[in-house]
Amino acid sequence: MSKVALELKHVSINYKDLSHMSLHQSLAKDGVKKANIVHAVRDISFSVNQGEILGIVGRNGSGKSTLLRSIAGIFQPDEGIIDTKGNRVSLMAIGIGFNSNNTGRENILKSGMLLGCDLNYVKAHMEEIIEFSELGDFIDRPVRTYSSGMYSKLSFAVTAILDTDIMLVDEVLSVGDERFRKKSYKKMEELMLSDRTVLIVSHATDTLKKFCNKILWINDGQYIMLGETEEVLNEYDKFMQL
């Protein structure tokens, strides 16, 4: 019987949208009270077994990235339970997790510690991460000087090489040069054989078909369908053509 690695029960996530207000209005005493409430994720429940690769699809604004960030513990859901079953979780996403004023090397150490890895373990894998990232001398420069492609390379290298139980991937595989993407795909194939549990948010259908055992489809924050990759993607494609 398969072991459940991650379980969500009736998870809802809301946030306050201040984009329609001026800076002065948002800073006013009652500004937050007048903010629009956005229901980013609405009563979503599902589970992922150990070793499964789950793809998550939905049009822009459906709550996919919000869901991953909540699973990663960046913020707590307003309702419901996210149970990682004691597993260590890493999030691979552009703009998340690194201190822009620190160097790439310093961020590797900090990221490893945040993932719950022993400092000596992170140091032992430092050169492997740097080599995989292909950043060269940039590894000792502040991350704020990195391009989005360089950032994604370092993010992927840290998350893929340091040993966490559940890996969350948010569109990172689609960033970077063609050669690095091919190397990333090869590394993902290795991870699939290592019993690592992976959740992938992507608009790239070919990537999802290549890696995923199952697909979760959400729309406007709501659960629509969870099932075999081909079946769900076919229904999702029909929906997107309407």
C-alpha atoms as a PDB file:
ATOM      1  CA  MET A   1       0.000   0.000   0.000  1.00  0.00           C
ATOM      2  CA  SER A   2       1.375   3.437  -0.953  1.00  0.00           C
ATOM      3  CA  LYS A   3       2.433   5.792   1.840  1.00  0.00           C
ATOM      4  CA  VAL A   4       0.841   9.250   1.861  1.00  0.00           C
ATOM      5  CA  ALA A   5       3.543  11.961   1.812  1.00  0.00           C
ATOM      6  CA  LEU A   6       1.296  15.034   1.775  1.00  0.00           C
ATOM      7  CA  GLU A   7      -2.358  15.619   2.614  1.00  0.00           C
ATOM      8  CA  LEU A   8      -4.518  18.729   2.369  1.00  0.00           C
ATOM      9  CA  LYS A   9      -7.930  18.864   4.028  1.00  0.00           C
ATOM     10  CA  HIS A  10     -10.402  21.641   3.177  1.00  0.00           C
ATOM     11  CA  VAL A  11      -7.680  24.258   2.690  1.00  0.00           C
ATOM     12  CA  SER A  12      -8.759  27.848   2.026  1.00  0.00           C
ATOM     13  CA  ILE A  13      -6.408  30.806   1.596  1.00  0.00           C
ATOM     14  CA  ASN A  14      -7.508  34.444   1.451  1.00  0.00           C
ATOM     15  CA  TYR A  15      -5.627  37.702   1.129  1.00  0.00           C
ATOM     16  CA  LYS A  16      -6.473  41.383   1.088  1.00  0.00           C
ATOM     17  CA  ASP A  17      -6.094  43.173  -2.240  1.00  0.00           C
ATOM     18  CA  LEU A  18      -5.022  46.818  -1.932  1.00  0.00           C
ATOM     19  CA  SER A  19      -4.272  47.311  -5.637  1.00  0.00           C
ATOM     20  CA  HIS A  20      -7.437  49.397  -6.185  1.00  0.00           C
ATOM     21  CA  MET A  21      -6.400  51.841  -3.470  1.00  0.00           C
ATOM     22  CA  SER A  22      -3.833  54.632  -3.474  1.00  0.00           C
ATOM     23  CA  LEU A  23      -0.800  54.412  -1.186  1.00  0.00           C
ATOM     24  CA  HIS A  24      -2.346  57.044   1.078  1.00  0.00           C
ATOM     25  CA  GLN A  25      -5.609  55.088   1.324  1.00  0.00           C
ATOM     26  CA  SER A  26      -3.857  51.778   2.040  1.00  0.00           C
ATOM     27  CA  LEU A  27      -1.841  53.343   4.866  1.00  0.00           C
ATOM     28  CA  ALA A  28      -4.869  54.993   6.420  1.00  0.00           C
ATOM     29  CA  LYS A  29      -6.189  53.631   9.703  1.00  0.00           C
ATOM     30  CA  ASP A  30      -9.165  51.882   8.131  1.00  0.00           C
ATOM     31  CA  GLY A  31      -7.464  51.179   4.791  1.00  0.00           C
ATOM     32  CA  VAL A  32      -6.968  47.453   5.367  1.00  0.00           C
ATOM     33  CA  LYS A  33     -10.582  47.084   6.489  1.00  0.00           C
ATOM     34  CA  LYS A  34     -11.759  48.452   3.130  1.00  0.00           C
ATOM     35  CA  ALA A  35      -9.474  46.160   1.112  1.00  0.00           C
ATOM     36  CA  ASN A  36     -11.051  43.612  -1.221  1.00  0.00           C
ATOM     37  CA  ILE A  37     -10.855  40.029   0.023  1.00  0.00           C
ATOM     38  CA  VAL A  38      -9.473  37.650  -2.595  1.00  0.00           C
ATOM     39  CA  HIS A  39     -10.315  33.968  -2.127  1.00  0.00           C
ATOM     40  CA  ALA A  40      -7.137  32.534  -3.678  1.00  0.00           C
ATOM     41  CA  VAL A  41      -7.771  28.919  -2.652  1.00  0.00           C
ATOM     42  CA  ARG A  42     -11.212  27.588  -1.771  1.00  0.00           C
ATOM     43  CA  ASP A  43     -11.803  24.396   0.208  1.00  0.00           C
ATOM     44  CA  ILE A  44      -9.242  22.213  -1.578  1.00  0.00           C
ATOM     45  CA  SER A  45      -8.544  18.650  -0.433  1.00  0.00           C
ATOM     46  CA  PHE A  46      -6.177  16.091  -1.957  1.00  0.00           C
ATOM     47  CA  SER A  47      -3.297  13.794  -1.053  1.00  0.00           C
ATOM     48  CA  VAL A  48      -0.040  12.803  -2.742  1.00  0.00           C
ATOM     49  CA  ASN A  49       1.670   9.467  -2.210  1.00  0.00           C
ATOM     50  CA  GLN A  50       5.374   9.118  -1.602  1.00  0.00           C
ATOM     51  CA  GLY A  51       7.280   9.055  -4.886  1.00  0.00           C
ATOM     52  CA  GLU A  52       4.444  10.539  -6.941  1.00  0.00           C
ATOM     53  CA  ILE A  53       4.969  13.427  -9.351  1.00  0.00           C
ATOM     54  CA  LEU A  54       1.847  15.618  -9.291  1.00  0.00           C
ATOM     55  CA  GLY A  55       1.305  18.365 -11.849  1.00  0.00           C
ATOM     56  CA  ILE A  56      -0.935  21.320 -11.014  1.00  0.00           C
ATOM     57  CA  VAL A  57      -2.679  23.214 -13.815  1.00  0.00           C
ATOM     58  CA  GLY A  58      -5.046  26.140 -14.035  1.00  0.00           C
ATOM     59  CA  ARG A  59      -5.221  29.431 -15.854  1.00  0.00           C
ATOM     60  CA  ASN A  60      -3.369  32.449 -14.445  1.00  0.00           C
ATOM     61  CA  GLY A  61      -4.791  33.590 -11.119  1.00  0.00           C
ATOM     62  CA  SER A  62      -6.205  30.185 -10.197  1.00  0.00           C
ATOM     63  CA  GLY A  63      -4.201  29.944  -6.961  1.00  0.00           C
ATOM     64  CA  LYS A  64      -1.537  27.442  -8.057  1.00  0.00           C
ATOM     65  CA  SER A  65       1.483  29.358  -6.751  1.00  0.00           C
ATOM     66  CA  THR A  66      -0.407  30.399  -3.621  1.00  0.00           C
ATOM     67  CA  LEU A  67      -1.119  26.749  -2.916  1.00  0.00           C
ATOM     68  CA  LEU A  68       2.556  25.760  -3.299  1.00  0.00           C
ATOM     69  CA  ARG A  69       3.724  28.565  -1.029  1.00  0.00           C
ATOM     70  CA  SER A  70       1.305  27.480   1.650  1.00  0.00           C
ATOM     71  CA  ILE A  71       2.489  23.862   1.415  1.00  0.00           C
ATOM     72  CA  ALA A  72       6.052  25.186   1.746  1.00  0.00           C
ATOM     73  CA  GLY A  73       5.062  26.946   4.975  1.00  0.00           C
ATOM     74  CA  ILE A  74       5.638  30.493   3.714  1.00  0.00           C
ATOM     75  CA  PHE A  75       2.210  31.341   5.072  1.00  0.00           C
ATOM     76  CA  GLN A  76      -0.568  29.496   6.847  1.00  0.00           C
ATOM     77  CA  PRO A  77      -3.980  28.688   5.346  1.00  0.00           C
ATOM     78  CA  ASP A  78      -6.966  30.575   6.719  1.00  0.00           C
ATOM     79  CA  GLU A  79      -8.899  27.323   7.005  1.00  0.00           C
ATOM     80  CA  GLY A  80      -8.088  23.643   6.770  1.00  0.00           C
ATOM     81  CA  ILE A  81      -5.029  21.490   7.389  1.00  0.00           C
ATOM     82  CA  ILE A  82      -1.817  20.934   5.422  1.00  0.00           C
ATOM     83  CA  ASP A  83      -0.136  17.767   6.726  1.00  0.00           C
ATOM     84  CA  THR A  84       3.358  17.074   5.357  1.00  0.00           C
ATOM     85  CA  LYS A  85       3.595  13.898   7.455  1.00  0.00           C
ATOM     86  CA  GLY A  86       6.887  15.045   8.971  1.00  0.00           C
ATOM     87  CA  ASN A  87       8.544  15.337   5.555  1.00  0.00           C
ATOM     88  CA  ARG A  88      10.988  18.149   4.752  1.00  0.00           C
ATOM     89  CA  VAL A  89       9.665  20.401   1.977  1.00  0.00           C
ATOM     90  CA  SER A  90      11.583  22.601  -0.467  1.00  0.00           C
ATOM     91  CA  LEU A  91      10.148  25.204  -2.833  1.00  0.00           C
ATOM     92  CA  MET A  92      11.794  25.987  -6.157  1.00  0.00           C
ATOM     93  CA  ALA A  93      10.412  29.290  -7.440  1.00  0.00           C
ATOM     94  CA  ILE A  94      11.724  32.502  -8.979  1.00  0.00           C
ATOM     95  CA  GLY A  95      11.973  35.295  -6.409  1.00  0.00           C
ATOM     96  CA  ILE A  96      11.432  33.057  -3.395  1.00  0.00           C
ATOM     97  CA  GLY A  97      13.867  32.030  -0.703  1.00  0.00           C
ATOM     98  CA  PHE A  98      17.061  34.000  -1.392  1.00  0.00           C
ATOM     99  CA  ASN A  99      18.352  37.144   0.299  1.00  0.00           C
ATOM    100  CA  SER A 100      19.206  39.490  -2.571  1.00  0.00           C
ATOM    101  CA  ASN A 101      22.028  41.172  -0.622  1.00  0.00           C
ATOM    102  CA  ASN A 102      23.807  37.892   0.131  1.00  0.00           C
ATOM    103  CA  THR A 103      26.033  36.038  -2.300  1.00  0.00           C
ATOM    104  CA  GLY A 104      24.969  32.865  -4.014  1.00  0.00           C
ATOM    105  CA  ARG A 105      27.278  30.864  -1.749  1.00  0.00           C
ATOM    106  CA  GLU A 106      25.801  32.439   1.389  1.00  0.00           C
ATOM    107  CA  ASN A 107      22.301  31.751   0.122  1.00  0.00           C
ATOM    108  CA  ILE A 108      23.135  28.084  -0.436  1.00  0.00           C
ATOM    109  CA  LEU A 109      24.113  27.771   3.218  1.00  0.00           C
ATOM    110  CA  LYS A 110      21.036  29.646   4.475  1.00  0.00           C
ATOM    111  CA  SER A 111      18.666  27.758   2.183  1.00  0.00           C
ATOM    112  CA  GLY A 112      20.069  24.441   3.333  1.00  0.00           C
ATOM    113  CA  MET A 113      19.612  25.355   6.975  1.00  0.00           C
ATOM    114  CA  LEU A 114      16.036  26.518   6.328  1.00  0.00           C
ATOM    115  CA  LEU A 115      15.362  23.160   4.695  1.00  0.00           C
ATOM    116  CA  GLY A 116      16.435  21.471   7.907  1.00  0.00           C
ATOM    117  CA  CYS A 117      19.745  20.171   6.588  1.00  0.00           C
ATOM    118  CA  ASP A 118      22.806  19.877   8.808  1.00  0.00           C
ATOM    119  CA  LEU A 119      25.382  22.633   8.143  1.00  0.00           C
ATOM    120  CA  ASN A 120      28.160  20.120   7.468  1.00  0.00           C
ATOM    121  CA  TYR A 121      25.894  18.289   5.013  1.00  0.00           C
ATOM    122  CA  VAL A 122      25.248  21.520   3.084  1.00  0.00           C
ATOM    123  CA  LYS A 123      28.966  22.362   3.036  1.00  0.00           C
ATOM    124  CA  ALA A 124      29.766  18.872   1.779  1.00  0.00           C
ATOM    125  CA  HIS A 125      27.440  19.427  -1.193  1.00  0.00           C
ATOM    126  CA  MET A 126      28.418  23.048  -1.814  1.00  0.00           C
ATOM    127  CA  GLU A 127      30.731  22.425  -4.771  1.00  0.00           C
ATOM    128  CA  GLU A 128      28.256  20.036  -6.381  1.00  0.00           C
ATOM    129  CA  ILE A 129      25.547  22.708  -6.186  1.00  0.00           C
ATOM    130  CA  ILE A 130      27.858  25.397  -7.573  1.00  0.00           C
ATOM    131  CA  GLU A 131      28.991  23.170 -10.429  1.00  0.00           C
ATOM    132  CA  PHE A 132      25.433  22.237 -11.347  1.00  0.00           C
ATOM    133  CA  SER A 133      24.299  25.875 -11.268  1.00  0.00           C
ATOM    134  CA  GLU A 134      27.019  26.886 -13.770  1.00  0.00           C
ATOM    135  CA  LEU A 135      27.306  30.307 -12.091  1.00  0.00           C
ATOM    136  CA  GLY A 136      31.108  30.346 -11.941  1.00  0.00           C
ATOM    137  CA  ASP A 137      32.486  33.496 -10.256  1.00  0.00           C
ATOM    138  CA  PHE A 138      28.954  34.866  -9.844  1.00  0.00           C
ATOM    139  CA  ILE A 139      28.484  32.459  -6.933  1.00  0.00           C
ATOM    140  CA  ASP A 140      30.395  34.961  -4.765  1.00  0.00           C
ATOM    141  CA  ARG A 141      28.438  37.983  -5.966  1.00  0.00           C
ATOM    142  CA  PRO A 142      25.163  39.298  -4.462  1.00  0.00           C
ATOM    143  CA  VAL A 143      22.055  37.580  -5.803  1.00  0.00           C
ATOM    144  CA  ARG A 144      20.605  41.001  -6.683  1.00  0.00           C
ATOM    145  CA  THR A 145      23.085  41.064  -9.585  1.00  0.00           C
ATOM    146  CA  TYR A 146      21.688  37.818 -11.041  1.00  0.00           C
ATOM    147  CA  SER A 147      19.444  37.568 -14.070  1.00  0.00           C
ATOM    148  CA  SER A 148      16.217  35.570 -13.709  1.00  0.00           C
ATOM    149  CA  GLY A 149      17.916  32.698 -15.550  1.00  0.00           C
ATOM    150  CA  MET A 150      20.875  32.679 -13.142  1.00  0.00           C
ATOM    151  CA  TYR A 151      18.506  32.840 -10.184  1.00  0.00           C
ATOM    152  CA  SER A 152      16.539  29.857 -11.494  1.00  0.00           C
ATOM    153  CA  LYS A 153      19.734  27.855 -12.037  1.00  0.00           C
ATOM    154  CA  LEU A 154      20.817  28.364  -8.437  1.00  0.00           C
ATOM    155  CA  SER A 155      17.314  27.691  -7.128  1.00  0.00           C
ATOM    156  CA  PHE A 156      17.076  24.452  -9.078  1.00  0.00           C
ATOM    157  CA  ALA A 157      20.572  23.329  -8.052  1.00  0.00           C
ATOM    158  CA  VAL A 158      19.929  23.885  -4.333  1.00  0.00           C
ATOM    159  CA  THR A 159      16.542  22.199  -4.326  1.00  0.00           C
ATOM    160  CA  ALA A 160      17.464  19.264  -6.558  1.00  0.00           C
ATOM    161  CA  ILE A 161      20.755  18.344  -4.890  1.00  0.00           C
ATOM    162  CA  LEU A 162      19.987  18.857  -1.200  1.00  0.00           C
ATOM    163  CA  ASP A 163      17.966  15.907   0.010  1.00  0.00           C
ATOM    164  CA  THR A 164      14.420  16.944   0.894  1.00  0.00           C
ATOM    165  CA  ASP A 165      11.423  14.616   0.896  1.00  0.00           C
ATOM    166  CA  ILE A 166       8.955  16.809  -1.016  1.00  0.00           C
ATOM    167  CA  MET A 167      10.009  19.183  -3.791  1.00  0.00           C
ATOM    168  CA  LEU A 168       7.698  21.944  -5.030  1.00  0.00           C
ATOM    169  CA  VAL A 169       8.512  23.337  -8.490  1.00  0.00           C
ATOM    170  CA  ASP A 170       6.850  26.562  -9.647  1.00  0.00           C
ATOM    171  CA  GLU A 171       7.562  27.222 -13.363  1.00  0.00           C
ATOM    172  CA  VAL A 172      11.345  27.090 -12.818  1.00  0.00           C
ATOM    173  CA  LEU A 173      11.872  24.377 -15.440  1.00  0.00           C
ATOM    174  CA  SER A 174      10.745  26.786 -18.156  1.00  0.00           C
ATOM    175  CA  VAL A 175      13.412  29.386 -17.338  1.00  0.00           C
ATOM    176  CA  GLY A 176      17.027  29.459 -18.491  1.00  0.00           C
ATOM    177  CA  ASP A 177      18.915  28.508 -21.611  1.00  0.00           C
ATOM    178  CA  GLU A 178      18.067  25.414 -23.631  1.00  0.00           C
ATOM    179  CA  ARG A 179      21.127  23.438 -22.507  1.00  0.00           C
ATOM    180  CA  PHE A 180      20.395  24.019 -18.824  1.00  0.00           C
ATOM    181  CA  ARG A 181      16.738  23.073 -19.331  1.00  0.00           C
ATOM    182  CA  LYS A 182      17.842  19.755 -20.811  1.00  0.00           C
ATOM    183  CA  LYS A 183      20.136  19.188 -17.831  1.00  0.00           C
ATOM    184  CA  SER A 184      17.291  20.076 -15.461  1.00  0.00           C
ATOM    185  CA  TYR A 185      14.984  17.606 -17.183  1.00  0.00           C
ATOM    186  CA  LYS A 186      17.606  14.883 -16.841  1.00  0.00           C
ATOM    187  CA  LYS A 187      17.970  15.661 -13.135  1.00  0.00           C
ATOM    188  CA  MET A 188      14.184  15.520 -12.731  1.00  0.00           C
ATOM    189  CA  GLU A 189      14.191  12.067 -14.308  1.00  0.00           C
ATOM    190  CA  GLU A 190      16.764  10.970 -11.723  1.00  0.00           C
ATOM    191  CA  LEU A 191      14.606  12.360  -8.931  1.00  0.00           C
ATOM    192  CA  MET A 192      11.624  10.406 -10.225  1.00  0.00           C
ATOM    193  CA  LEU A 193      13.599   7.212  -9.654  1.00  0.00           C
ATOM    194  CA  SER A 194      14.747   8.278  -6.166  1.00  0.00           C
ATOM    195  CA  ASP A 195      11.304   8.109  -4.508  1.00  0.00           C
ATOM    196  CA  ARG A 196      11.214  11.918  -4.115  1.00  0.00           C
ATOM    197  CA  THR A 197       7.688  13.353  -4.016  1.00  0.00           C
ATOM    198  CA  VAL A 198       7.335  16.286  -6.422  1.00  0.00           C
ATOM    199  CA  LEU A 199       4.599  18.858  -7.160  1.00  0.00           C
ATOM    200  CA  ILE A 200       5.033  20.817 -10.398  1.00  0.00           C
ATOM    201  CA  VAL A 201       3.145  23.972 -11.400  1.00  0.00           C
ATOM    202  CA  SER A 202       3.588  24.547 -15.121  1.00  0.00           C
ATOM    203  CA  HIS A 203       1.820  25.758 -18.246  1.00  0.00           C
ATOM    204  CA  ALA A 204       4.074  23.517 -20.341  1.00  0.00           C
ATOM    205  CA  THR A 205       1.929  20.518 -21.255  1.00  0.00           C
ATOM    206  CA  ASP A 206       4.890  18.565 -22.650  1.00  0.00           C
ATOM    207  CA  THR A 207       6.722  18.902 -19.323  1.00  0.00           C
ATOM    208  CA  LEU A 208       3.708  17.657 -17.376  1.00  0.00           C
ATOM    209  CA  LYS A 209       3.216  14.706 -19.712  1.00  0.00           C
ATOM    210  CA  LYS A 210       6.905  13.839 -19.428  1.00  0.00           C
ATOM    211  CA  PHE A 211       7.122  13.789 -15.638  1.00  0.00           C
ATOM    212  CA  CYS A 212       3.742  13.588 -13.920  1.00  0.00           C
ATOM    213  CA  ASN A 213       1.866  10.528 -12.686  1.00  0.00           C
ATOM    214  CA  LYS A 214      -1.237  12.609 -11.974  1.00  0.00           C
ATOM    215  CA  ILE A 215      -2.615  16.093 -12.581  1.00  0.00           C
ATOM    216  CA  LEU A 216      -4.585  18.380 -10.269  1.00  0.00           C
ATOM    217  CA  TRP A 217      -6.683  21.007 -12.046  1.00  0.00           C
ATOM    218  CA  ILE A 218      -7.866  24.059 -10.114  1.00  0.00           C
ATOM    219  CA  ASN A 219      -9.835  27.042 -11.402  1.00  0.00           C
ATOM    220  CA  ASP A 220     -10.430  30.311  -9.546  1.00  0.00           C
ATOM    221  CA  GLY A 221      -9.048  28.641  -6.434  1.00  0.00           C
ATOM    222  CA  GLN A 222     -11.425  25.695  -6.606  1.00  0.00           C
ATOM    223  CA  TYR A 223     -10.764  21.993  -7.063  1.00  0.00           C
ATOM    224  CA  ILE A 224     -11.972  20.826 -10.480  1.00  0.00           C
ATOM    225  CA  MET A 225     -10.370  17.467 -11.171  1.00  0.00           C
ATOM    226  CA  LEU A 226      -7.603  15.093 -10.044  1.00  0.00           C
ATOM    227  CA  GLY A 227      -6.621  12.059 -12.055  1.00  0.00           C
ATOM    228  CA  GLU A 228      -4.380  10.442 -14.636  1.00  0.00           C
ATOM    229  CA  THR A 229      -2.217  12.877 -16.588  1.00  0.00           C
ATOM    230  CA  GLU A 230      -3.669  12.382 -20.082  1.00  0.00           C
ATOM    231  CA  GLU A 231      -7.274  12.362 -18.896  1.00  0.00           C
ATOM    232  CA  VAL A 232      -7.066  15.585 -16.883  1.00  0.00           C
ATOM    233  CA  LEU A 233      -4.960  17.459 -19.443  1.00  0.00           C
ATOM    234  CA  ASN A 234      -7.423  16.566 -22.200  1.00  0.00           C
ATOM    235  CA  GLU A 235     -10.315  17.987 -20.175  1.00  0.00           C
ATOM    236  CA  TYR A 236      -8.284  21.045 -19.223  1.00  0.00           C
ATOM    237  CA  ASP A 237      -7.341  21.704 -22.866  1.00  0.00           C
ATOM    238  CA  LYS A 238     -11.038  21.541 -23.855  1.00  0.00           C
ATOM    239  CA  PHE A 239     -11.870  24.046 -21.112  1.00  0.00           C
ATOM    240  CA  MET A 240      -9.132  26.443 -22.179  1.00  0.00           C
ATOM    241  CA  GLN A 241     -10.415  26.412 -25.782  1.00  0.00           C
ATOM    242  CA  LEU A 242     -13.908  27.578 -24.780  1.00  0.00           C
END
